[in-house]
Amino acid sequence: FNKSHPFVYTQCQAIHARSVFPCQDTPAVRIRYSASLNIPSHLS
């Protein structure tokens, strides 16, 4: 929209989480997680 900064987002349903991180990518396996995102400081 703003045309001034890049942007990235996920859409993991149905079986696309495996393209972001290795995993047992089935809804039969439920996980808890923590994440540290190292990003450019002008972004959120």
PDB file of all heavy atoms in Angstrom:
ATOM      1  N   PHE A   1       0.830  -1.207   0.000  1.00  0.00           N
ATOM      2  CA  PHE A   1       0.000   0.000   0.000  1.00  0.00           C
ATOM      3  C   PHE A   1       0.867   1.262   0.000  1.00  0.00           C
ATOM      4  O   PHE A   1       0.640   2.193  -0.757  1.00  0.00           O
ATOM      5  CB  PHE A   1      -0.909   0.013   1.240  1.00  0.00           C
ATOM      6  CG  PHE A   1      -2.153  -0.810   1.104  1.00  0.00           C
ATOM      7  CD1 PHE A   1      -2.364  -1.895   1.947  1.00  0.00           C
ATOM      8  CD2 PHE A   1      -3.111  -0.509   0.160  1.00  0.00           C
ATOM      9  CE1 PHE A   1      -3.510  -2.655   1.831  1.00  0.00           C
ATOM     10  CE2 PHE A   1      -4.259  -1.266   0.040  1.00  0.00           C
ATOM     11  CZ  PHE A   1      -4.469  -2.343   0.884  1.00  0.00           C
ATOM     12  N   ASN A   2       1.857   1.271   0.892  1.00  0.00           N
ATOM     13  CA  ASN A   2       2.640   2.493   1.109  1.00  0.00           C
ATOM     14  C   ASN A   2       3.733   2.697   0.071  1.00  0.00           C
ATOM     15  O   ASN A   2       4.241   3.802  -0.092  1.00  0.00           O
ATOM     16  CB  ASN A   2       3.249   2.473   2.511  1.00  0.00           C
ATOM     17  CG  ASN A   2       3.295   3.843   3.130  1.00  0.00           C
ATOM     18  OD1 ASN A   2       2.575   4.751   2.707  1.00  0.00           O
ATOM     19  ND2 ASN A   2       4.127   4.019   4.130  1.00  0.00           N
ATOM     20  N   LYS A   3       4.137   1.587  -0.584  1.00  0.00           N
ATOM     21  CA  LYS A   3       5.097   1.614  -1.681  1.00  0.00           C
ATOM     22  C   LYS A   3       6.468   2.175  -1.287  1.00  0.00           C
ATOM     23  O   LYS A   3       7.189   2.706  -2.126  1.00  0.00           O
ATOM     24  CB  LYS A   3       4.525   2.392  -2.879  1.00  0.00           C
ATOM     25  CG  LYS A   3       3.168   1.864  -3.330  1.00  0.00           C
ATOM     26  CD  LYS A   3       2.734   2.407  -4.662  1.00  0.00           C
ATOM     27  CE  LYS A   3       1.338   1.915  -5.031  1.00  0.00           C
ATOM     28  NZ  LYS A   3       1.227   0.456  -5.038  1.00  0.00           N
ATOM     29  N   SER A   4       6.805   2.029  -0.011  1.00  0.00           N
ATOM     30  CA  SER A   4       8.094   2.553   0.430  1.00  0.00           C
ATOM     31  C   SER A   4       8.967   1.502   1.109  1.00  0.00           C
ATOM     32  O   SER A   4      10.180   1.700   1.229  1.00  0.00           O
ATOM     33  CB  SER A   4       7.897   3.734   1.383  1.00  0.00           C
ATOM     34  OG  SER A   4       7.086   3.376   2.482  1.00  0.00           O
ATOM     35  N   HIS A   5       8.386   0.401   1.586  1.00  0.00           N
ATOM     36  CA  HIS A   5       9.164  -0.628   2.277  1.00  0.00           C
ATOM     37  C   HIS A   5       8.723  -2.012   1.823  1.00  0.00           C
ATOM     38  O   HIS A   5       7.560  -2.211   1.443  1.00  0.00           O
ATOM     39  CB  HIS A   5       8.979  -0.522   3.792  1.00  0.00           C
ATOM     40  CG  HIS A   5       9.494   0.756   4.375  1.00  0.00           C
ATOM     41  ND1 HIS A   5      10.829   1.043   4.462  1.00  0.00           N
ATOM     42  CD2 HIS A   5       8.838   1.833   4.889  1.00  0.00           C
ATOM     43  CE1 HIS A   5      10.995   2.234   5.010  1.00  0.00           C
ATOM     44  NE2 HIS A   5       9.794   2.740   5.278  1.00  0.00           N
ATOM     45  N   PRO A   6       9.608  -2.999   1.877  1.00  0.00           N
ATOM     46  CA  PRO A   6       9.213  -4.374   1.518  1.00  0.00           C
ATOM     47  C   PRO A   6       8.321  -4.974   2.603  1.00  0.00           C
ATOM     48  O   PRO A   6       8.178  -4.428   3.698  1.00  0.00           O
ATOM     49  CB  PRO A   6      10.547  -5.105   1.420  1.00  0.00           C
ATOM     50  CG  PRO A   6      11.444  -4.361   2.360  1.00  0.00           C
ATOM     51  CD  PRO A   6      11.025  -2.915   2.272  1.00  0.00           C
ATOM     52  N   PHE A   7       7.763  -6.125   2.278  1.00  0.00           N
ATOM     53  CA  PHE A   7       6.805  -6.784   3.180  1.00  0.00           C
ATOM     54  C   PHE A   7       6.911  -8.280   2.924  1.00  0.00           C
ATOM     55  O   PHE A   7       7.132  -8.712   1.789  1.00  0.00           O
ATOM     56  CB  PHE A   7       5.384  -6.297   2.863  1.00  0.00           C
ATOM     57  CG  PHE A   7       4.369  -6.469   3.956  1.00  0.00           C
ATOM     58  CD1 PHE A   7       3.960  -5.387   4.724  1.00  0.00           C
ATOM     59  CD2 PHE A   7       3.798  -7.706   4.222  1.00  0.00           C
ATOM     60  CE1 PHE A   7       3.006  -5.523   5.725  1.00  0.00           C
ATOM     61  CE2 PHE A   7       2.859  -7.869   5.224  1.00  0.00           C
ATOM     62  CZ  PHE A   7       2.452  -6.761   5.977  1.00  0.00           C
ATOM     63  N   VAL A   8       6.749  -9.086   3.963  1.00  0.00           N
ATOM     64  CA  VAL A   8       6.678 -10.540   3.787  1.00  0.00           C
ATOM     65  C   VAL A   8       5.648 -11.092   4.763  1.00  0.00           C
ATOM     66  O   VAL A   8       5.504 -10.575   5.881  1.00  0.00           O
ATOM     67  CB  VAL A   8       8.052 -11.225   4.004  1.00  0.00           C
ATOM     68  CG1 VAL A   8       8.562 -11.035   5.423  1.00  0.00           C
ATOM     69  CG2 VAL A   8       7.998 -12.706   3.653  1.00  0.00           C
ATOM     70  N   TYR A   9       4.908 -12.096   4.319  1.00  0.00           N
ATOM     71  CA  TYR A   9       3.935 -12.732   5.210  1.00  0.00           C
ATOM     72  C   TYR A   9       3.796 -14.204   4.843  1.00  0.00           C
ATOM     73  O   TYR A   9       4.176 -14.641   3.750  1.00  0.00           O
ATOM     74  CB  TYR A   9       2.578 -12.027   5.151  1.00  0.00           C
ATOM     75  CG  TYR A   9       1.845 -12.151   3.839  1.00  0.00           C
ATOM     76  CD1 TYR A   9       0.958 -13.202   3.613  1.00  0.00           C
ATOM     77  CD2 TYR A   9       2.025 -11.221   2.815  1.00  0.00           C
ATOM     78  CE1 TYR A   9       0.281 -13.325   2.418  1.00  0.00           C
ATOM     79  CE2 TYR A   9       1.340 -11.332   1.622  1.00  0.00           C
ATOM     80  CZ  TYR A   9       0.477 -12.383   1.419  1.00  0.00           C
ATOM     81  OH  TYR A   9      -0.192 -12.508   0.226  1.00  0.00           O
ATOM     82  N   THR A  10       3.240 -14.969   5.778  1.00  0.00           N
ATOM     83  CA  THR A  10       3.056 -16.407   5.601  1.00  0.00           C
ATOM     84  C   THR A  10       1.602 -16.731   5.289  1.00  0.00           C
ATOM     85  O   THR A  10       0.683 -16.000   5.659  1.00  0.00           O
ATOM     86  CB  THR A  10       3.421 -17.170   6.878  1.00  0.00           C
ATOM     87  OG1 THR A  10       2.640 -16.643   7.959  1.00  0.00           O
ATOM     88  CG2 THR A  10       4.881 -17.044   7.213  1.00  0.00           C
ATOM     89  N   GLN A  11       1.409 -17.848   4.614  1.00  0.00           N
ATOM     90  CA  GLN A  11       0.108 -18.512   4.537  1.00  0.00           C
ATOM     91  C   GLN A  11       0.407 -20.002   4.543  1.00  0.00           C
ATOM     92  O   GLN A  11       0.753 -20.583   3.519  1.00  0.00           O
ATOM     93  CB  GLN A  11      -0.680 -18.101   3.292  1.00  0.00           C
ATOM     94  CG  GLN A  11      -1.990 -18.867   3.092  1.00  0.00           C
ATOM     95  CD  GLN A  11      -2.890 -18.844   4.319  1.00  0.00           C
ATOM     96  OE1 GLN A  11      -3.073 -17.815   4.945  1.00  0.00           O
ATOM     97  NE2 GLN A  11      -3.437 -19.992   4.675  1.00  0.00           N
ATOM     98  N   CYS A  12       0.281 -20.635   5.723  1.00  0.00           N
ATOM     99  CA  CYS A  12       0.752 -22.008   5.913  1.00  0.00           C
ATOM    100  C   CYS A  12      -0.321 -23.069   5.694  1.00  0.00           C
ATOM    101  O   CYS A  12       0.015 -24.250   5.561  1.00  0.00           O
ATOM    102  CB  CYS A  12       1.359 -22.162   7.298  1.00  0.00           C
ATOM    103  SG  CYS A  12       2.931 -21.279   7.492  1.00  0.00           S
ATOM    104  N   GLN A  13      -1.591 -22.709   5.721  1.00  0.00           N
ATOM    105  CA  GLN A  13      -2.622 -23.705   5.449  1.00  0.00           C
ATOM    106  C   GLN A  13      -2.654 -23.985   3.946  1.00  0.00           C
ATOM    107  O   GLN A  13      -2.545 -23.035   3.145  1.00  0.00           O
ATOM    108  CB  GLN A  13      -3.985 -23.181   5.911  1.00  0.00           C
ATOM    109  CG  GLN A  13      -5.052 -24.265   5.986  1.00  0.00           C
ATOM    110  CD  GLN A  13      -6.387 -23.731   6.483  1.00  0.00           C
ATOM    111  OE1 GLN A  13      -6.861 -22.686   6.043  1.00  0.00           O
ATOM    112  NE2 GLN A  13      -7.004 -24.449   7.403  1.00  0.00           N
ATOM    113  N   ALA A  14      -2.753 -25.246   3.472  1.00  0.00           N
ATOM    114  CA  ALA A  14      -2.970 -26.402   4.291  1.00  0.00           C
ATOM    115  C   ALA A  14      -1.654 -27.073   4.699  1.00  0.00           C
ATOM    116  O   ALA A  14      -1.463 -27.472   5.840  1.00  0.00           O
ATOM    117  CB  ALA A  14      -3.847 -27.387   3.534  1.00  0.00           C
ATOM    118  N   ILE A  15      -0.693 -27.177   3.764  1.00  0.00           N
ATOM    119  CA  ILE A  15       0.532 -27.944   4.044  1.00  0.00           C
ATOM    120  C   ILE A  15       1.761 -27.148   3.607  1.00  0.00           C
ATOM    121  O   ILE A  15       2.661 -27.680   2.945  1.00  0.00           O
ATOM    122  CB  ILE A  15       0.493 -29.332   3.372  1.00  0.00           C
ATOM    123  CG1 ILE A  15       0.237 -29.224   1.864  1.00  0.00           C
ATOM    124  CG2 ILE A  15      -0.552 -30.214   4.026  1.00  0.00           C
ATOM    125  CD1 ILE A  15       0.421 -30.549   1.109  1.00  0.00           C
ATOM    126  N   HIS A  16       1.815 -25.882   4.002  1.00  0.00           N
ATOM    127  CA  HIS A  16       2.910 -25.014   3.554  1.00  0.00           C
ATOM    128  C   HIS A  16       3.853 -24.589   4.667  1.00  0.00           C
ATOM    129  O   HIS A  16       4.854 -23.939   4.389  1.00  0.00           O
ATOM    130  CB  HIS A  16       2.337 -23.783   2.854  1.00  0.00           C
ATOM    131  CG  HIS A  16       1.494 -24.120   1.666  1.00  0.00           C
ATOM    132  ND1 HIS A  16       2.036 -24.504   0.455  1.00  0.00           N
ATOM    133  CD2 HIS A  16       0.147 -24.170   1.511  1.00  0.00           C
ATOM    134  CE1 HIS A  16       1.052 -24.765  -0.396  1.00  0.00           C
ATOM    135  NE2 HIS A  16      -0.100 -24.574   0.227  1.00  0.00           N
ATOM    136  N   ALA A  17       3.566 -24.945   5.930  1.00  0.00           N
ATOM    137  CA  ALA A  17       4.499 -24.608   7.007  1.00  0.00           C
ATOM    138  C   ALA A  17       5.868 -25.221   6.733  1.00  0.00           C
ATOM    139  O   ALA A  17       6.909 -24.644   7.076  1.00  0.00           O
ATOM    140  CB  ALA A  17       3.952 -25.088   8.354  1.00  0.00           C
ATOM    141  N   ARG A  18       5.889 -26.380   6.090  1.00  0.00           N
ATOM    142  CA  ARG A  18       7.140 -27.092   5.789  1.00  0.00           C
ATOM    143  C   ARG A  18       8.062 -26.301   4.872  1.00  0.00           C
ATOM    144  O   ARG A  18       9.235 -26.654   4.727  1.00  0.00           O
ATOM    145  CB  ARG A  18       6.814 -28.452   5.165  1.00  0.00           C
ATOM    146  CG  ARG A  18       6.145 -28.377   3.807  1.00  0.00           C
ATOM    147  CD  ARG A  18       5.550 -29.716   3.373  1.00  0.00           C
ATOM    148  NE  ARG A  18       4.422 -30.095   4.226  1.00  0.00           N
ATOM    149  CZ  ARG A  18       3.767 -31.246   4.112  1.00  0.00           C
ATOM    150  NH1 ARG A  18       4.107 -32.117   3.167  1.00  0.00           N
ATOM    151  NH2 ARG A  18       2.751 -31.517   4.914  1.00  0.00           N
ATOM    152  N   SER A  19       7.559 -25.266   4.222  1.00  0.00           N
ATOM    153  CA  SER A  19       8.426 -24.430   3.378  1.00  0.00           C
ATOM    154  C   SER A  19       8.989 -23.239   4.151  1.00  0.00           C
ATOM    155  O   SER A  19       9.753 -22.448   3.587  1.00  0.00           O
ATOM    156  CB  SER A  19       7.664 -23.942   2.142  1.00  0.00           C
ATOM    157  OG  SER A  19       6.641 -23.026   2.493  1.00  0.00           O
ATOM    158  N   VAL A  20       8.626 -23.123   5.456  1.00  0.00           N
ATOM    159  CA  VAL A  20       9.175 -22.077   6.327  1.00  0.00           C
ATOM    160  C   VAL A  20      10.152 -22.681   7.334  1.00  0.00           C
ATOM    161  O   VAL A  20      11.167 -22.089   7.664  1.00  0.00           O
ATOM    162  CB  VAL A  20       8.050 -21.329   7.068  1.00  0.00           C
ATOM    163  CG1 VAL A  20       8.617 -20.206   7.927  1.00  0.00           C
ATOM    164  CG2 VAL A  20       7.022 -20.778   6.087  1.00  0.00           C
ATOM    165  N   PHE A  21       9.841 -23.874   7.835  1.00  0.00           N
ATOM    166  CA  PHE A  21      10.744 -24.579   8.749  1.00  0.00           C
ATOM    167  C   PHE A  21      10.431 -26.071   8.671  1.00  0.00           C
ATOM    168  O   PHE A  21       9.288 -26.460   8.395  1.00  0.00           O
ATOM    169  CB  PHE A  21      10.603 -24.067  10.188  1.00  0.00           C
ATOM    170  CG  PHE A  21       9.216 -24.200  10.778  1.00  0.00           C
ATOM    171  CD1 PHE A  21       8.904 -25.229  11.654  1.00  0.00           C
ATOM    172  CD2 PHE A  21       8.221 -23.274  10.475  1.00  0.00           C
ATOM    173  CE1 PHE A  21       7.632 -25.354  12.211  1.00  0.00           C
ATOM    174  CE2 PHE A  21       6.943 -23.378  11.023  1.00  0.00           C
ATOM    175  CZ  PHE A  21       6.648 -24.425  11.889  1.00  0.00           C
ATOM    176  N   PRO A  22      11.416 -26.941   8.900  1.00  0.00           N
ATOM    177  CA  PRO A  22      11.127 -28.381   8.905  1.00  0.00           C
ATOM    178  C   PRO A  22      10.168 -28.699  10.052  1.00  0.00           C
ATOM    179  O   PRO A  22      10.269 -28.120  11.140  1.00  0.00           O
ATOM    180  CB  PRO A  22      12.498 -29.021   9.146  1.00  0.00           C
ATOM    181  CG  PRO A  22      13.497 -27.931   8.968  1.00  0.00           C
ATOM    182  CD  PRO A  22      12.811 -26.644   9.248  1.00  0.00           C
ATOM    183  N   CYS A  23       9.257 -29.601   9.823  1.00  0.00           N
ATOM    184  CA  CYS A  23       8.303 -29.930  10.891  1.00  0.00           C
ATOM    185  C   CYS A  23       7.533 -31.195  10.523  1.00  0.00           C
ATOM    186  O   CYS A  23       7.552 -31.638   9.374  1.00  0.00           O
ATOM    187  CB  CYS A  23       7.323 -28.783  11.140  1.00  0.00           C
ATOM    188  SG  CYS A  23       6.372 -28.250   9.696  1.00  0.00           S
ATOM    189  N   GLN A  24       6.861 -31.746  11.516  1.00  0.00           N
ATOM    190  CA  GLN A  24       5.858 -32.777  11.263  1.00  0.00           C
ATOM    191  C   GLN A  24       4.597 -32.014  10.847  1.00  0.00           C
ATOM    192  O   GLN A  24       3.760 -31.656  11.663  1.00  0.00           O
ATOM    193  CB  GLN A  24       5.643 -33.618  12.524  1.00  0.00           C
ATOM    194  CG  GLN A  24       6.855 -34.468  12.902  1.00  0.00           C
ATOM    195  CD  GLN A  24       6.699 -35.128  14.270  1.00  0.00           C
ATOM    196  OE1 GLN A  24       6.364 -34.473  15.258  1.00  0.00           O
ATOM    197  NE2 GLN A  24       6.957 -36.438  14.331  1.00  0.00           N
ATOM    198  N   ASP A  25       4.511 -31.743   9.559  1.00  0.00           N
ATOM    199  CA  ASP A  25       3.515 -30.779   9.052  1.00  0.00           C
ATOM    200  C   ASP A  25       2.164 -31.470   8.841  1.00  0.00           C
ATOM    201  O   ASP A  25       1.697 -31.652   7.718  1.00  0.00           O
ATOM    202  CB  ASP A  25       4.011 -30.148   7.757  1.00  0.00           C
ATOM    203  CG  ASP A  25       3.211 -28.912   7.360  1.00  0.00           C
ATOM    204  OD1 ASP A  25       2.347 -28.494   8.149  1.00  0.00           O
ATOM    205  OD2 ASP A  25       3.458 -28.370   6.269  1.00  0.00           O
ATOM    206  N   THR A  26       1.566 -31.849   9.937  1.00  0.00           N
ATOM    207  CA  THR A  26       0.236 -32.449   9.931  1.00  0.00           C
ATOM    208  C   THR A  26      -0.537 -31.882  11.107  1.00  0.00           C
ATOM    209  O   THR A  26       0.044 -31.690  12.194  1.00  0.00           O
ATOM    210  CB  THR A  26       0.307 -33.986  10.041  1.00  0.00           C
ATOM    211  OG1 THR A  26      -1.005 -34.496  10.340  1.00  0.00           O
ATOM    212  CG2 THR A  26       1.264 -34.427  11.135  1.00  0.00           C
ATOM    213  N   PRO A  27      -1.829 -31.620  10.945  1.00  0.00           N
ATOM    214  CA  PRO A  27      -2.600 -31.109  12.091  1.00  0.00           C
ATOM    215  C   PRO A  27      -2.753 -32.130  13.204  1.00  0.00           C
ATOM    216  O   PRO A  27      -3.203 -31.778  14.296  1.00  0.00           O
ATOM    217  CB  PRO A  27      -3.955 -30.745  11.467  1.00  0.00           C
ATOM    218  CG  PRO A  27      -4.029 -31.497  10.188  1.00  0.00           C
ATOM    219  CD  PRO A  27      -2.610 -31.627   9.698  1.00  0.00           C
ATOM    220  N   ALA A  28      -2.358 -33.376  12.943  1.00  0.00           N
ATOM    221  CA  ALA A  28      -2.406 -34.396  13.994  1.00  0.00           C
ATOM    222  C   ALA A  28      -1.369 -34.133  15.080  1.00  0.00           C
ATOM    223  O   ALA A  28      -1.490 -34.644  16.194  1.00  0.00           O
ATOM    224  CB  ALA A  28      -2.195 -35.783  13.391  1.00  0.00           C
ATOM    225  N   VAL A  29      -0.318 -33.360  14.750  1.00  0.00           N
ATOM    226  CA  VAL A  29       0.745 -33.049  15.705  1.00  0.00           C
ATOM    227  C   VAL A  29       0.653 -31.577  16.081  1.00  0.00           C
ATOM    228  O   VAL A  29       0.860 -30.699  15.243  1.00  0.00           O
ATOM    229  CB  VAL A  29       2.135 -33.365  15.119  1.00  0.00           C
ATOM    230  CG1 VAL A  29       3.234 -32.939  16.090  1.00  0.00           C
ATOM    231  CG2 VAL A  29       2.254 -34.850  14.808  1.00  0.00           C
ATOM    232  N   ARG A  30       0.341 -31.306  17.322  1.00  0.00           N
ATOM    233  CA  ARG A  30       0.218 -29.924  17.805  1.00  0.00           C
ATOM    234  C   ARG A  30       1.506 -29.530  18.534  1.00  0.00           C
ATOM    235  O   ARG A  30       2.055 -30.318  19.307  1.00  0.00           O
ATOM    236  CB  ARG A  30      -0.982 -29.792  18.744  1.00  0.00           C
ATOM    237  CG  ARG A  30      -2.300 -30.241  18.105  1.00  0.00           C
ATOM    238  CD  ARG A  30      -3.450 -30.158  19.081  1.00  0.00           C
ATOM    239  NE  ARG A  30      -3.846 -28.774  19.309  1.00  0.00           N
ATOM    240  CZ  ARG A  30      -4.912 -28.184  18.729  1.00  0.00           C
ATOM    241  NH1 ARG A  30      -5.682 -28.874  17.899  1.00  0.00           N
ATOM    242  NH2 ARG A  30      -5.192 -26.929  18.990  1.00  0.00           N
ATOM    243  N   ILE A  31       1.970 -28.316  18.273  1.00  0.00           N
ATOM    244  CA  ILE A  31       3.244 -27.864  18.836  1.00  0.00           C
ATOM    245  C   ILE A  31       3.076 -26.533  19.568  1.00  0.00           C
ATOM    246  O   ILE A  31       2.205 -25.732  19.258  1.00  0.00           O
ATOM    247  CB  ILE A  31       4.316 -27.684  17.738  1.00  0.00           C
ATOM    248  CG1 ILE A  31       3.817 -26.697  16.658  1.00  0.00           C
ATOM    249  CG2 ILE A  31       4.705 -29.026  17.133  1.00  0.00           C
ATOM    250  CD1 ILE A  31       4.892 -26.273  15.676  1.00  0.00           C
ATOM    251  N   ARG A  32       3.919 -26.333  20.566  1.00  0.00           N
ATOM    252  CA  ARG A  32       4.157 -25.011  21.127  1.00  0.00           C
ATOM    253  C   ARG A  32       5.454 -24.498  20.502  1.00  0.00           C
ATOM    254  O   ARG A  32       6.307 -25.293  20.090  1.00  0.00           O
ATOM    255  CB  ARG A  32       4.286 -25.081  22.643  1.00  0.00           C
ATOM    256  CG  ARG A  32       3.005 -25.494  23.362  1.00  0.00           C
ATOM    257  CD  ARG A  32       3.239 -25.616  24.866  1.00  0.00           C
ATOM    258  NE  ARG A  32       2.000 -25.847  25.603  1.00  0.00           N
ATOM    259  CZ  ARG A  32       1.466 -27.037  25.826  1.00  0.00           C
ATOM    260  NH1 ARG A  32       2.077 -28.120  25.344  1.00  0.00           N
ATOM    261  NH2 ARG A  32       0.344 -27.168  26.501  1.00  0.00           N
ATOM    262  N   TYR A  33       5.614 -23.171  20.436  1.00  0.00           N
ATOM    263  CA  TYR A  33       6.847 -22.668  19.844  1.00  0.00           C
ATOM    264  C   TYR A  33       7.227 -21.312  20.410  1.00  0.00           C
ATOM    265  O   TYR A  33       6.410 -20.590  20.991  1.00  0.00           O
ATOM    266  CB  TYR A  33       6.732 -22.588  18.311  1.00  0.00           C
ATOM    267  CG  TYR A  33       5.726 -21.595  17.775  1.00  0.00           C
ATOM    268  CD1 TYR A  33       6.065 -20.248  17.597  1.00  0.00           C
ATOM    269  CD2 TYR A  33       4.444 -21.997  17.398  1.00  0.00           C
ATOM    270  CE1 TYR A  33       5.152 -19.338  17.087  1.00  0.00           C
ATOM    271  CE2 TYR A  33       3.531 -21.094  16.888  1.00  0.00           C
ATOM    272  CZ  TYR A  33       3.880 -19.767  16.730  1.00  0.00           C
ATOM    273  OH  TYR A  33       2.991 -18.870  16.230  1.00  0.00           O
ATOM    274  N   SER A  34       8.501 -20.996  20.268  1.00  0.00           N
ATOM    275  CA  SER A  34       9.011 -19.653  20.509  1.00  0.00           C
ATOM    276  C   SER A  34       9.748 -19.246  19.245  1.00  0.00           C
ATOM    277  O   SER A  34      10.216 -20.100  18.475  1.00  0.00           O
ATOM    278  CB  SER A  34       9.941 -19.617  21.720  1.00  0.00           C
ATOM    279  OG  SER A  34      11.050 -20.474  21.532  1.00  0.00           O
ATOM    280  N   ALA A  35       9.845 -17.932  19.018  1.00  0.00           N
ATOM    281  CA  ALA A  35      10.478 -17.460  17.782  1.00  0.00           C
ATOM    282  C   ALA A  35      11.176 -16.135  18.016  1.00  0.00           C
ATOM    283  O   ALA A  35      10.617 -15.229  18.641  1.00  0.00           O
ATOM    284  CB  ALA A  35       9.440 -17.327  16.665  1.00  0.00           C
ATOM    285  N   SER A  36      12.414 -16.049  17.515  1.00  0.00           N
ATOM    286  CA  SER A  36      13.169 -14.801  17.501  1.00  0.00           C
ATOM    287  C   SER A  36      13.309 -14.372  16.050  1.00  0.00           C
ATOM    288  O   SER A  36      13.923 -15.100  15.242  1.00  0.00           O
ATOM    289  CB  SER A  36      14.551 -14.986  18.125  1.00  0.00           C
ATOM    290  OG  SER A  36      14.449 -15.358  19.481  1.00  0.00           O
ATOM    291  N   LEU A  37      12.733 -13.237  15.703  1.00  0.00           N
ATOM    292  CA  LEU A  37      12.731 -12.740  14.331  1.00  0.00           C
ATOM    293  C   LEU A  37      13.727 -11.600  14.214  1.00  0.00           C
ATOM    294  O   LEU A  37      13.536 -10.527  14.810  1.00  0.00           O
ATOM    295  CB  LEU A  37      11.334 -12.264  13.923  1.00  0.00           C
ATOM    296  CG  LEU A  37      10.336 -13.329  13.451  1.00  0.00           C
ATOM    297  CD1 LEU A  37      10.117 -14.408  14.482  1.00  0.00           C
ATOM    298  CD2 LEU A  37       9.006 -12.672  13.070  1.00  0.00           C
ATOM    299  N   ASN A  38      14.802 -11.818  13.468  1.00  0.00           N
ATOM    300  CA  ASN A  38      15.825 -10.805  13.234  1.00  0.00           C
ATOM    301  C   ASN A  38      15.484 -10.093  11.929  1.00  0.00           C
ATOM    302  O   ASN A  38      15.566 -10.676  10.844  1.00  0.00           O
ATOM    303  CB  ASN A  38      17.199 -11.478  13.168  1.00  0.00           C
ATOM    304  CG  ASN A  38      18.335 -10.488  13.067  1.00  0.00           C
ATOM    305  OD1 ASN A  38      18.311  -9.577  12.239  1.00  0.00           O
ATOM    306  ND2 ASN A  38      19.351 -10.669  13.895  1.00  0.00           N
ATOM    307  N   ILE A  39      15.112  -8.816  12.052  1.00  0.00           N
ATOM    308  CA  ILE A  39      14.560  -8.080  10.909  1.00  0.00           C
ATOM    309  C   ILE A  39      15.231  -6.713  10.792  1.00  0.00           C
ATOM    310  O   ILE A  39      15.859  -6.238  11.738  1.00  0.00           O
ATOM    311  CB  ILE A  39      13.032  -7.895  11.059  1.00  0.00           C
ATOM    312  CG1 ILE A  39      12.714  -7.057  12.309  1.00  0.00           C
ATOM    313  CG2 ILE A  39      12.338  -9.256  11.122  1.00  0.00           C
ATOM    314  CD1 ILE A  39      11.236  -6.732  12.472  1.00  0.00           C
ATOM    315  N   PRO A  40      15.103  -6.038   9.628  1.00  0.00           N
ATOM    316  CA  PRO A  40      15.585  -4.660   9.537  1.00  0.00           C
ATOM    317  C   PRO A  40      14.905  -3.787  10.581  1.00  0.00           C
ATOM    318  O   PRO A  40      13.698  -3.909  10.820  1.00  0.00           O
ATOM    319  CB  PRO A  40      15.192  -4.249   8.112  1.00  0.00           C
ATOM    320  CG  PRO A  40      15.137  -5.538   7.357  1.00  0.00           C
ATOM    321  CD  PRO A  40      14.609  -6.546   8.341  1.00  0.00           C
ATOM    322  N   SER A  41      15.666  -2.900  11.203  1.00  0.00           N
ATOM    323  CA  SER A  41      15.159  -2.153  12.354  1.00  0.00           C
ATOM    324  C   SER A  41      14.067  -1.154  12.006  1.00  0.00           C
ATOM    325  O   SER A  41      13.321  -0.718  12.886  1.00  0.00           O
ATOM    326  CB  SER A  41      16.312  -1.432  13.060  1.00  0.00           C
ATOM    327  OG  SER A  41      16.985  -0.566  12.160  1.00  0.00           O
ATOM    328  N   HIS A  42      13.917  -0.784  10.726  1.00  0.00           N
ATOM    329  CA  HIS A  42      12.854   0.152  10.363  1.00  0.00           C
ATOM    330  C   HIS A  42      11.522  -0.563  10.116  1.00  0.00           C
ATOM    331  O   HIS A  42      10.521   0.094   9.828  1.00  0.00           O
ATOM    332  CB  HIS A  42      13.244   0.962   9.123  1.00  0.00           C
ATOM    333  CG  HIS A  42      13.523   0.115   7.907  1.00  0.00           C
ATOM    334  ND1 HIS A  42      14.734  -0.500   7.693  1.00  0.00           N
ATOM    335  CD2 HIS A  42      12.751  -0.219   6.843  1.00  0.00           C
ATOM    336  CE1 HIS A  42      14.701  -1.170   6.551  1.00  0.00           C
ATOM    337  NE2 HIS A  42      13.502  -1.023   6.014  1.00  0.00           N
ATOM    338  N   LEU A  43      11.514  -1.890  10.249  1.00  0.00           N
ATOM    339  CA  LEU A  43      10.290  -2.669  10.072  1.00  0.00           C
ATOM    340  C   LEU A  43       9.811  -3.215  11.410  1.00  0.00           C
ATOM    341  O   LEU A  43      10.527  -3.171  12.409  1.00  0.00           O
ATOM    342  CB  LEU A  43      10.531  -3.819   9.084  1.00  0.00           C
ATOM    343  CG  LEU A  43      11.014  -3.428   7.688  1.00  0.00           C
ATOM    344  CD1 LEU A  43      11.206  -4.670   6.821  1.00  0.00           C
ATOM    345  CD2 LEU A  43      10.046  -2.449   7.016  1.00  0.00           C
ATOM    346  N   SER A  44       8.596  -3.744  11.411  1.00  0.00           N
ATOM    347  CA  SER A  44       8.015  -4.376  12.599  1.00  0.00           C
ATOM    348  C   SER A  44       7.541  -5.768  12.244  1.00  0.00           C
ATOM    349  O   SER A  44       7.322  -6.080  11.071  1.00  0.00           O
ATOM    350  CB  SER A  44       6.827  -3.547  13.129  1.00  0.00           C
ATOM    351  OG  SER A  44       7.229  -2.246  13.472  1.00  0.00           O
TER     352      SER A  44
END
